[in-house]
Amino acid sequence: MEYADRFGDPRYVFGGLLHNGVRRIAHRSWIDADGRFVEVSLLQFREHLGATAYTSGFREELNELNDGRPLRGTGDGKYYVLGPGDWVDTHAASAVGYVGDIAVHIEVESESPVPAAFIRGLAERQLERL
């Protein structure tokens, strides 16, 4: 449930994860040398349909802000670079995609613009390891 606590309605998120067959969640966050706050979450589901459902929800929400760009290594994964007012009060970037039954969700927040190459590279490195 700790992972679900990051969202506005944790009980709803936790229920959705269980409904989609989540098996394991690995989550790590840090502040990099450039002062960016980075969160990487890997979620394993019982089957690929759970990973598909999880990532499609985030993509729908983010696509309302901008179209994003395709994320190499996934069928329909995308990464997004956002500015103040798009989603948060600071600069941000997000990447979401899946390979098989594992979903990757990455969020970055920064006081300065987040380069597209940073979020794309981080996401592609995570996906290569799957």
N, C-alpha and C. Protein backbone atom coordinates (compact mmCIF):
# COMPACT_ATOMS: atom_id res chain seq x y z
N MET A 1 0.82 -1.19 0.00
CA MET A 1 0.00 0.00 0.00
C MET A 1 0.87 1.26 0.00
N GLU A 2 2.13 1.15 0.44
CA GLU A 2 3.01 2.31 0.49
C GLU A 2 3.15 2.98 -0.88
N TYR A 3 3.25 2.19 -1.94
CA TYR A 3 3.33 2.75 -3.29
C TYR A 3 2.07 3.55 -3.61
N ALA A 4 0.92 3.03 -3.27
CA ALA A 4 -0.36 3.69 -3.55
C ALA A 4 -0.51 4.99 -2.77
N ASP A 5 0.18 5.12 -1.64
CA ASP A 5 0.09 6.33 -0.82
C ASP A 5 0.61 7.57 -1.55
N ARG A 6 1.35 7.39 -2.64
CA ARG A 6 1.89 8.51 -3.40
C ARG A 6 0.82 9.22 -4.22
N PHE A 7 -0.34 8.63 -4.35
CA PHE A 7 -1.38 9.16 -5.22
C PHE A 7 -2.51 9.77 -4.40
N GLY A 8 -3.38 10.54 -5.07
CA GLY A 8 -4.45 11.27 -4.41
C GLY A 8 -5.41 10.40 -3.61
N ASP A 9 -5.78 9.24 -4.12
CA ASP A 9 -6.70 8.34 -3.43
C ASP A 9 -6.04 6.96 -3.34
N PRO A 10 -5.23 6.74 -2.32
CA PRO A 10 -4.45 5.50 -2.23
C PRO A 10 -5.30 4.23 -2.25
N ARG A 11 -6.46 4.27 -1.60
CA ARG A 11 -7.29 3.06 -1.56
C ARG A 11 -7.78 2.70 -2.97
N TYR A 12 -8.13 3.70 -3.76
CA TYR A 12 -8.58 3.46 -5.13
C TYR A 12 -7.42 2.89 -5.96
N VAL A 13 -6.24 3.48 -5.83
CA VAL A 13 -5.07 3.02 -6.58
C VAL A 13 -4.71 1.60 -6.17
N PHE A 14 -4.68 1.33 -4.87
CA PHE A 14 -4.34 0.00 -4.38
C PHE A 14 -5.34 -1.03 -4.89
N GLY A 15 -6.63 -0.68 -4.85
CA GLY A 15 -7.66 -1.58 -5.36
C GLY A 15 -7.48 -1.86 -6.85
N GLY A 16 -7.13 -0.82 -7.61
CA GLY A 16 -6.90 -0.98 -9.04
C GLY A 16 -5.70 -1.87 -9.32
N LEU A 17 -4.64 -1.70 -8.54
CA LEU A 17 -3.45 -2.55 -8.70
C LEU A 17 -3.80 -4.01 -8.44
N LEU A 18 -4.54 -4.26 -7.36
CA LEU A 18 -4.94 -5.64 -7.05
C LEU A 18 -5.84 -6.20 -8.15
N HIS A 19 -6.76 -5.40 -8.61
CA HIS A 19 -7.67 -5.83 -9.68
C HIS A 19 -6.90 -6.20 -10.94
N ASN A 20 -5.85 -5.47 -11.23
CA ASN A 20 -5.04 -5.74 -12.42
C ASN A 20 -4.01 -6.83 -12.22
N GLY A 21 -3.95 -7.40 -11.01
CA GLY A 21 -3.07 -8.54 -10.76
C GLY A 21 -1.64 -8.19 -10.44
N VAL A 22 -1.41 -7.11 -9.71
CA VAL A 22 -0.04 -6.75 -9.35
C VAL A 22 0.56 -7.84 -8.46
N ARG A 23 1.81 -8.18 -8.73
CA ARG A 23 2.51 -9.18 -7.93
C ARG A 23 3.59 -8.54 -7.06
N ARG A 24 4.39 -7.66 -7.67
CA ARG A 24 5.50 -7.04 -6.96
C ARG A 24 5.66 -5.60 -7.42
N ILE A 25 6.17 -4.78 -6.50
CA ILE A 25 6.48 -3.40 -6.84
C ILE A 25 7.86 -3.08 -6.28
N ALA A 26 8.71 -2.54 -7.13
CA ALA A 26 10.01 -2.03 -6.70
C ALA A 26 10.01 -0.54 -6.97
N HIS A 27 10.36 0.25 -5.97
CA HIS A 27 10.32 1.70 -6.11
C HIS A 27 11.58 2.30 -5.51
N ARG A 28 12.17 3.23 -6.23
CA ARG A 28 13.38 3.91 -5.74
C ARG A 28 13.28 5.38 -6.11
N SER A 29 13.72 6.24 -5.22
CA SER A 29 13.76 7.67 -5.51
C SER A 29 15.07 8.25 -5.00
N TRP A 30 15.52 9.33 -5.65
CA TRP A 30 16.76 9.98 -5.27
C TRP A 30 16.79 11.39 -5.84
N ILE A 31 17.74 12.16 -5.39
CA ILE A 31 18.02 13.48 -5.96
C ILE A 31 19.37 13.37 -6.64
N ASP A 32 19.40 13.67 -7.94
CA ASP A 32 20.65 13.51 -8.68
C ASP A 32 21.56 14.73 -8.49
N ALA A 33 22.72 14.68 -9.10
CA ALA A 33 23.73 15.74 -8.94
C ALA A 33 23.25 17.10 -9.45
N ASP A 34 22.26 17.11 -10.36
CA ASP A 34 21.72 18.36 -10.89
C ASP A 34 20.50 18.84 -10.11
N GLY A 35 20.20 18.19 -8.98
CA GLY A 35 19.10 18.61 -8.13
C GLY A 35 17.73 18.13 -8.58
N ARG A 36 17.68 17.21 -9.54
CA ARG A 36 16.40 16.67 -9.99
C ARG A 36 15.95 15.56 -9.05
N PHE A 37 14.67 15.58 -8.69
CA PHE A 37 14.08 14.50 -7.89
C PHE A 37 13.57 13.44 -8.86
N VAL A 38 14.09 12.22 -8.74
CA VAL A 38 13.79 11.14 -9.66
C VAL A 38 13.12 10.00 -8.92
N GLU A 39 12.04 9.47 -9.48
CA GLU A 39 11.35 8.30 -8.94
C GLU A 39 11.22 7.26 -10.05
N VAL A 40 11.64 6.04 -9.77
CA VAL A 40 11.50 4.95 -10.72
C VAL A 40 10.72 3.83 -10.04
N SER A 41 9.66 3.40 -10.70
CA SER A 41 8.84 2.30 -10.18
C SER A 41 8.75 1.21 -11.23
N LEU A 42 8.97 -0.01 -10.80
CA LEU A 42 8.79 -1.20 -11.63
C LEU A 42 7.69 -2.02 -10.98
N LEU A 43 6.68 -2.36 -11.75
CA LEU A 43 5.54 -3.11 -11.23
C LEU A 43 5.38 -4.38 -12.06
N GLN A 44 5.41 -5.53 -11.39
CA GLN A 44 5.20 -6.79 -12.09
C GLN A 44 3.77 -7.24 -11.86
N PHE A 45 3.11 -7.66 -12.93
CA PHE A 45 1.73 -8.11 -12.88
C PHE A 45 1.68 -9.60 -13.20
N ARG A 46 0.56 -10.23 -12.90
CA ARG A 46 0.41 -11.66 -13.17
C ARG A 46 0.47 -11.97 -14.67
N GLU A 47 0.02 -11.03 -15.48
CA GLU A 47 0.11 -11.18 -16.92
C GLU A 47 0.25 -9.80 -17.57
N HIS A 48 0.58 -9.79 -18.85
CA HIS A 48 0.84 -8.52 -19.53
C HIS A 48 -0.37 -7.60 -19.57
N LEU A 49 -1.58 -8.14 -19.50
CA LEU A 49 -2.78 -7.28 -19.54
C LEU A 49 -2.82 -6.33 -18.34
N GLY A 50 -2.31 -6.75 -17.21
CA GLY A 50 -2.25 -5.87 -16.04
C GLY A 50 -1.30 -4.72 -16.27
N ALA A 51 -0.15 -5.01 -16.86
CA ALA A 51 0.83 -3.96 -17.17
C ALA A 51 0.26 -3.00 -18.21
N THR A 52 -0.47 -3.54 -19.18
CA THR A 52 -1.11 -2.71 -20.20
C THR A 52 -2.12 -1.76 -19.57
N ALA A 53 -2.96 -2.28 -18.70
CA ALA A 53 -3.98 -1.46 -18.05
C ALA A 53 -3.34 -0.37 -17.19
N TYR A 54 -2.30 -0.72 -16.45
CA TYR A 54 -1.62 0.25 -15.58
C TYR A 54 -1.04 1.40 -16.41
N THR A 55 -0.31 1.07 -17.46
CA THR A 55 0.36 2.11 -18.23
C THR A 55 -0.62 2.94 -19.05
N SER A 56 -1.70 2.33 -19.54
CA SER A 56 -2.64 3.09 -20.36
C SER A 56 -3.32 4.19 -19.56
N GLY A 57 -3.57 3.96 -18.29
CA GLY A 57 -4.17 5.00 -17.44
C GLY A 57 -3.28 6.23 -17.34
N PHE A 58 -2.01 6.02 -17.13
CA PHE A 58 -1.08 7.15 -17.05
C PHE A 58 -0.93 7.85 -18.39
N ARG A 59 -0.85 7.08 -19.46
CA ARG A 59 -0.72 7.69 -20.79
C ARG A 59 -1.93 8.54 -21.14
N GLU A 60 -3.12 8.08 -20.81
CA GLU A 60 -4.33 8.87 -21.07
C GLU A 60 -4.26 10.21 -20.35
N GLU A 61 -3.86 10.18 -19.09
CA GLU A 61 -3.77 11.41 -18.29
C GLU A 61 -2.71 12.35 -18.86
N LEU A 62 -1.55 11.80 -19.18
CA LEU A 62 -0.46 12.63 -19.70
C LEU A 62 -0.73 13.13 -21.12
N ASN A 63 -1.42 12.32 -21.92
CA ASN A 63 -1.73 12.75 -23.29
C ASN A 63 -2.64 13.98 -23.31
N GLU A 64 -3.35 14.24 -22.22
CA GLU A 64 -4.17 15.45 -22.14
C GLU A 64 -3.28 16.69 -22.07
N LEU A 65 -2.04 16.54 -21.60
CA LEU A 65 -1.11 17.66 -21.46
C LEU A 65 -0.29 17.86 -22.72
N ASN A 66 0.22 16.79 -23.28
CA ASN A 66 0.88 16.82 -24.58
C ASN A 66 0.94 15.40 -25.12
N ASP A 67 1.29 15.26 -26.37
CA ASP A 67 1.23 13.95 -27.03
C ASP A 67 2.36 13.01 -26.63
N GLY A 68 3.39 13.53 -26.00
CA GLY A 68 4.53 12.70 -25.64
C GLY A 68 5.26 12.20 -26.88
N ARG A 69 6.29 11.43 -26.61
CA ARG A 69 7.08 10.85 -27.70
C ARG A 69 7.22 9.36 -27.46
N PRO A 70 7.32 8.56 -28.52
CA PRO A 70 7.43 7.11 -28.36
C PRO A 70 8.67 6.71 -27.56
N LEU A 71 8.51 5.70 -26.75
CA LEU A 71 9.59 5.18 -25.92
C LEU A 71 10.09 3.88 -26.55
N ARG A 72 11.31 3.91 -27.03
CA ARG A 72 11.90 2.74 -27.69
C ARG A 72 11.95 1.56 -26.72
N GLY A 73 11.68 0.38 -27.23
CA GLY A 73 11.74 -0.82 -26.40
C GLY A 73 10.39 -1.24 -25.87
N THR A 74 9.35 -0.46 -26.17
CA THR A 74 7.99 -0.81 -25.75
C THR A 74 7.08 -0.70 -26.96
N GLY A 75 5.93 -1.35 -26.88
CA GLY A 75 4.98 -1.25 -27.97
C GLY A 75 4.31 0.10 -28.02
N ASP A 76 3.93 0.61 -26.87
CA ASP A 76 3.19 1.88 -26.86
C ASP A 76 3.62 2.81 -25.73
N GLY A 77 4.78 2.58 -25.17
CA GLY A 77 5.28 3.46 -24.12
C GLY A 77 5.61 4.84 -24.65
N LYS A 78 5.55 5.81 -23.77
CA LYS A 78 5.85 7.20 -24.15
C LYS A 78 6.60 7.90 -23.03
N TYR A 79 7.31 8.97 -23.41
CA TYR A 79 7.88 9.86 -22.41
C TYR A 79 7.38 11.27 -22.69
N TYR A 80 7.30 12.07 -21.64
CA TYR A 80 6.71 13.40 -21.70
C TYR A 80 7.61 14.38 -20.97
N VAL A 81 7.79 15.56 -21.54
CA VAL A 81 8.50 16.65 -20.87
C VAL A 81 7.47 17.74 -20.62
N LEU A 82 7.34 18.16 -19.36
CA LEU A 82 6.31 19.11 -18.96
C LEU A 82 6.93 20.35 -18.34
N GLY A 83 6.28 21.46 -18.51
CA GLY A 83 6.75 22.71 -17.91
C GLY A 83 5.85 23.11 -16.76
N PRO A 84 6.22 24.16 -16.04
CA PRO A 84 5.38 24.62 -14.94
C PRO A 84 3.95 24.91 -15.42
N GLY A 85 3.00 24.47 -14.63
CA GLY A 85 1.60 24.69 -14.97
C GLY A 85 0.98 23.54 -15.74
N ASP A 86 1.80 22.70 -16.40
CA ASP A 86 1.25 21.55 -17.12
C ASP A 86 0.66 20.53 -16.15
N TRP A 87 1.43 20.23 -15.11
CA TRP A 87 1.03 19.15 -14.22
C TRP A 87 1.43 19.47 -12.79
N VAL A 88 2.59 20.07 -12.65
CA VAL A 88 3.12 20.44 -11.34
C VAL A 88 3.57 21.89 -11.39
N ASP A 89 4.00 22.41 -10.27
CA ASP A 89 4.44 23.81 -10.20
C ASP A 89 5.88 24.00 -10.66
N THR A 90 6.57 22.91 -10.91
CA THR A 90 7.96 22.98 -11.34
C THR A 90 8.07 22.36 -12.74
N HIS A 91 9.27 22.16 -13.20
CA HIS A 91 9.49 21.43 -14.44
C HIS A 91 9.40 19.94 -14.11
N ALA A 92 8.93 19.16 -15.07
CA ALA A 92 8.76 17.73 -14.81
C ALA A 92 8.91 16.94 -16.10
N ALA A 93 9.11 15.65 -15.93
CA ALA A 93 9.12 14.72 -17.05
C ALA A 93 8.60 13.40 -16.53
N SER A 94 8.03 12.64 -17.42
CA SER A 94 7.44 11.36 -17.04
C SER A 94 7.65 10.37 -18.17
N ALA A 95 7.79 9.11 -17.82
CA ALA A 95 7.88 8.04 -18.81
C ALA A 95 7.07 6.86 -18.30
N VAL A 96 6.35 6.22 -19.19
CA VAL A 96 5.55 5.06 -18.80
C VAL A 96 5.51 4.09 -19.97
N GLY A 97 5.71 2.82 -19.67
CA GLY A 97 5.67 1.78 -20.69
C GLY A 97 5.76 0.42 -20.03
N TYR A 98 5.71 -0.61 -20.83
CA TYR A 98 5.82 -1.95 -20.27
C TYR A 98 6.52 -2.88 -21.26
N VAL A 99 7.09 -3.93 -20.70
CA VAL A 99 7.66 -5.03 -21.47
C VAL A 99 7.13 -6.30 -20.82
N GLY A 100 6.37 -7.08 -21.56
CA GLY A 100 5.78 -8.29 -21.00
C GLY A 100 4.84 -7.95 -19.85
N ASP A 101 5.11 -8.51 -18.69
CA ASP A 101 4.25 -8.29 -17.52
C ASP A 101 4.80 -7.24 -16.56
N ILE A 102 5.83 -6.50 -16.97
CA ILE A 102 6.45 -5.49 -16.09
C ILE A 102 6.24 -4.09 -16.66
N ALA A 103 5.66 -3.24 -15.82
CA ALA A 103 5.44 -1.84 -16.18
C ALA A 103 6.54 -0.99 -15.56
N VAL A 104 6.96 0.03 -16.30
CA VAL A 104 7.95 1.00 -15.83
C VAL A 104 7.27 2.36 -15.77
N HIS A 105 7.41 3.02 -14.63
CA HIS A 105 6.83 4.35 -14.45
C HIS A 105 7.91 5.24 -13.82
N ILE A 106 8.28 6.30 -14.52
CA ILE A 106 9.34 7.19 -14.06
C ILE A 106 8.80 8.61 -14.00
N GLU A 107 9.10 9.30 -12.90
CA GLU A 107 8.73 10.70 -12.72
C GLU A 107 9.98 11.48 -12.35
N VAL A 108 10.13 12.68 -12.91
CA VAL A 108 11.25 13.57 -12.59
C VAL A 108 10.69 14.96 -12.35
N GLU A 109 11.12 15.59 -11.28
CA GLU A 109 10.75 16.98 -11.01
C GLU A 109 12.03 17.78 -10.80
N SER A 110 12.01 19.04 -11.27
CA SER A 110 13.21 19.86 -11.20
C SER A 110 12.83 21.34 -11.21
N GLU A 111 13.70 22.15 -10.65
CA GLU A 111 13.50 23.60 -10.70
C GLU A 111 13.84 24.15 -12.09
N SER A 112 14.64 23.41 -12.84
CA SER A 112 15.02 23.83 -14.20
C SER A 112 14.44 22.82 -15.20
N PRO A 113 14.37 23.17 -16.47
CA PRO A 113 13.81 22.25 -17.46
C PRO A 113 14.51 20.89 -17.45
N VAL A 114 13.71 19.84 -17.62
CA VAL A 114 14.24 18.48 -17.69
C VAL A 114 14.47 18.15 -19.17
N PRO A 115 15.72 17.89 -19.56
CA PRO A 115 15.98 17.57 -20.96
C PRO A 115 15.27 16.28 -21.38
N ALA A 116 14.72 16.28 -22.58
CA ALA A 116 14.06 15.10 -23.11
C ALA A 116 15.02 13.91 -23.13
N ALA A 117 16.29 14.16 -23.45
CA ALA A 117 17.27 13.07 -23.49
C ALA A 117 17.46 12.42 -22.12
N PHE A 118 17.28 13.20 -21.05
CA PHE A 118 17.45 12.64 -19.70
C PHE A 118 16.36 11.62 -19.40
N ILE A 119 15.10 12.00 -19.57
CA ILE A 119 13.99 11.09 -19.24
C ILE A 119 13.97 9.91 -20.22
N ARG A 120 14.23 10.17 -21.49
CA ARG A 120 14.24 9.10 -22.48
C ARG A 120 15.35 8.09 -22.16
N GLY A 121 16.54 8.59 -21.89
CA GLY A 121 17.67 7.72 -21.59
C GLY A 121 17.46 6.89 -20.33
N LEU A 122 16.94 7.53 -19.30
CA LEU A 122 16.67 6.81 -18.05
C LEU A 122 15.66 5.69 -18.28
N ALA A 123 14.58 6.00 -18.99
CA ALA A 123 13.55 5.01 -19.25
C ALA A 123 14.09 3.87 -20.13
N GLU A 124 14.83 4.20 -21.16
CA GLU A 124 15.35 3.16 -22.04
C GLU A 124 16.33 2.26 -21.32
N ARG A 125 17.16 2.82 -20.43
CA ARG A 125 18.08 1.98 -19.65
C ARG A 125 17.30 1.02 -18.73
N GLN A 126 16.23 1.50 -18.12
CA GLN A 126 15.43 0.63 -17.27
C GLN A 126 14.81 -0.50 -18.10
N LEU A 127 14.27 -0.15 -19.24
CA LEU A 127 13.63 -1.15 -20.10
C LEU A 127 14.61 -2.17 -20.65
N GLU A 128 15.83 -1.74 -20.94
CA GLU A 128 16.85 -2.68 -21.44
C GLU A 128 17.17 -3.75 -20.41
N ARG A 129 17.03 -3.42 -19.15
CA ARG A 129 17.36 -4.38 -18.08
C ARG A 129 16.27 -5.42 -17.85
N LEU A 130 15.11 -5.22 -18.46
CA LEU A 130 13.99 -6.15 -18.21
C LEU A 130 14.09 -7.38 -19.09
